[in-house]
Amino acid sequence: MPKLPDDFDSQLNQIVNQALNVTGWTTRRELEFLGLLAACPTAEGVILEIGSFRGRSATVLANAARM
């Protein structure tokens, strides 16, 4: 299982705050969960998001996956 960075909470909070500036309906809690999933993938491959309004969740997925 992948190990989270020591400052994961801080990094995730920063990523989520940035994403909340994008218009959308995804809640903070949902964004935090997506960030955790992206930072700790359980399989090899890429992340694919189907259907995005303005990119709020896509922002979190992309930035958290780089952790």
C-alpha atoms as a PDB file:
ATOM      1  CA  MET A   1       0.000   0.000   0.000  1.00  0.00           C
ATOM      2  CA  PRO A   2       1.383   3.441  -0.908  1.00  0.00           C
ATOM      3  CA  LYS A   3       2.595   5.592   1.945  1.00  0.00           C
ATOM      4  CA  LEU A   4       1.182   9.081   2.236  1.00  0.00           C
ATOM      5  CA  PRO A   5       3.630  11.991   2.491  1.00  0.00           C
ATOM      6  CA  ASP A   6       4.184  13.286   6.027  1.00  0.00           C
ATOM      7  CA  ASP A   7       2.483  16.576   5.150  1.00  0.00           C
ATOM      8  CA  PHE A   8      -0.411  14.938   3.288  1.00  0.00           C
ATOM      9  CA  ASP A   9      -3.137  16.719   5.265  1.00  0.00           C
ATOM     10  CA  SER A  10      -1.573  20.101   4.600  1.00  0.00           C
ATOM     11  CA  GLN A  11      -1.044  19.399   0.902  1.00  0.00           C
ATOM     12  CA  LEU A  12      -4.557  18.027   0.461  1.00  0.00           C
ATOM     13  CA  ASN A  13      -6.063  21.028   2.238  1.00  0.00           C
ATOM     14  CA  GLN A  14      -4.192  23.340  -0.123  1.00  0.00           C
ATOM     15  CA  ILE A  15      -5.334  21.354  -3.180  1.00  0.00           C
ATOM     16  CA  VAL A  16      -8.963  21.327  -2.025  1.00  0.00           C
ATOM     17  CA  ASN A  17      -8.944  25.046  -1.228  1.00  0.00           C
ATOM     18  CA  GLN A  18      -7.618  25.751  -4.713  1.00  0.00           C
ATOM     19  CA  ALA A  19     -10.326  23.562  -6.264  1.00  0.00           C
ATOM     20  CA  LEU A  20     -13.077  25.283  -4.294  1.00  0.00           C
ATOM     21  CA  ASN A  21     -12.317  28.432  -6.309  1.00  0.00           C
ATOM     22  CA  VAL A  22     -13.612  26.586  -9.386  1.00  0.00           C
ATOM     23  CA  THR A  23     -17.375  26.773  -9.935  1.00  0.00           C
ATOM     24  CA  GLY A  24     -19.030  23.442  -9.193  1.00  0.00           C
ATOM     25  CA  TRP A  25     -21.174  21.331  -6.894  1.00  0.00           C
ATOM     26  CA  THR A  26     -18.624  18.903  -5.449  1.00  0.00           C
ATOM     27  CA  THR A  27     -18.426  19.364  -1.674  1.00  0.00           C
ATOM     28  CA  ARG A  28     -15.242  19.773   0.362  1.00  0.00           C
ATOM     29  CA  ARG A  29     -15.712  16.307   1.824  1.00  0.00           C
ATOM     30  CA  GLU A  30     -16.114  14.748  -1.620  1.00  0.00           C
ATOM     31  CA  LEU A  31     -13.021  16.572  -2.869  1.00  0.00           C
ATOM     32  CA  GLU A  32     -10.994  15.352   0.116  1.00  0.00           C
ATOM     33  CA  PHE A  33     -12.066  11.772  -0.593  1.00  0.00           C
ATOM     34  CA  LEU A  34     -11.163  12.088  -4.282  1.00  0.00           C
ATOM     35  CA  GLY A  35      -7.790  13.494  -3.246  1.00  0.00           C
ATOM     36  CA  LEU A  36      -7.124  10.514  -0.999  1.00  0.00           C
ATOM     37  CA  LEU A  37      -8.098   8.089  -3.757  1.00  0.00           C
ATOM     38  CA  ALA A  38      -5.849   9.833  -6.280  1.00  0.00           C
ATOM     39  CA  ALA A  39      -2.896   9.982  -3.881  1.00  0.00           C
ATOM     40  CA  CYS A  40      -3.204   6.269  -2.987  1.00  0.00           C
ATOM     41  CA  PRO A  41      -4.133   4.373  -6.139  1.00  0.00           C
ATOM     42  CA  THR A  42      -4.876   0.677  -5.756  1.00  0.00           C
ATOM     43  CA  ALA A  43      -4.060  -0.187  -9.369  1.00  0.00           C
ATOM     44  CA  GLU A  44      -1.699   0.809 -12.174  1.00  0.00           C
ATOM     45  CA  GLY A  45      -2.989   3.114 -14.869  1.00  0.00           C
ATOM     46  CA  VAL A  46      -4.408   6.538 -15.409  1.00  0.00           C
ATOM     47  CA  ILE A  47      -7.273   8.465 -13.859  1.00  0.00           C
ATOM     48  CA  LEU A  48     -10.228   9.098 -16.147  1.00  0.00           C
ATOM     49  CA  GLU A  49     -13.024  11.428 -15.171  1.00  0.00           C
ATOM     50  CA  ILE A  50     -16.106  11.329 -17.357  1.00  0.00           C
ATOM     51  CA  GLY A  51     -18.239  14.433 -17.267  1.00  0.00           C
ATOM     52  CA  SER A  52     -16.887  17.515 -15.622  1.00  0.00           C
ATOM     53  CA  PHE A  53     -18.686  20.840 -15.318  1.00  0.00           C
ATOM     54  CA  ARG A  54     -15.785  23.256 -14.857  1.00  0.00           C
ATOM     55  CA  GLY A  55     -13.071  20.955 -13.561  1.00  0.00           C
ATOM     56  CA  ARG A  56     -13.372  21.256  -9.771  1.00  0.00           C
ATOM     57  CA  SER A  57     -12.924  17.541  -9.099  1.00  0.00           C
ATOM     58  CA  ALA A  58     -10.500  17.129 -12.018  1.00  0.00           C
ATOM     59  CA  THR A  59      -8.245  19.714 -10.366  1.00  0.00           C
ATOM     60  CA  VAL A  60      -8.117  17.668  -7.167  1.00  0.00           C
ATOM     61  CA  LEU A  61      -7.581  14.366  -8.994  1.00  0.00           C
ATOM     62  CA  ALA A  62      -4.706  15.741 -11.064  1.00  0.00           C
ATOM     63  CA  ASN A  63      -2.906  17.513  -8.229  1.00  0.00           C
ATOM     64  CA  ALA A  64      -3.343  14.750  -5.648  1.00  0.00           C
ATOM     65  CA  ALA A  65      -2.127  12.115  -8.107  1.00  0.00           C
ATOM     66  CA  ARG A  66       1.219  13.957  -8.285  1.00  0.00           C
ATOM     67  CA  MET A  67       1.866  13.589  -4.532  1.00  0.00           C
END
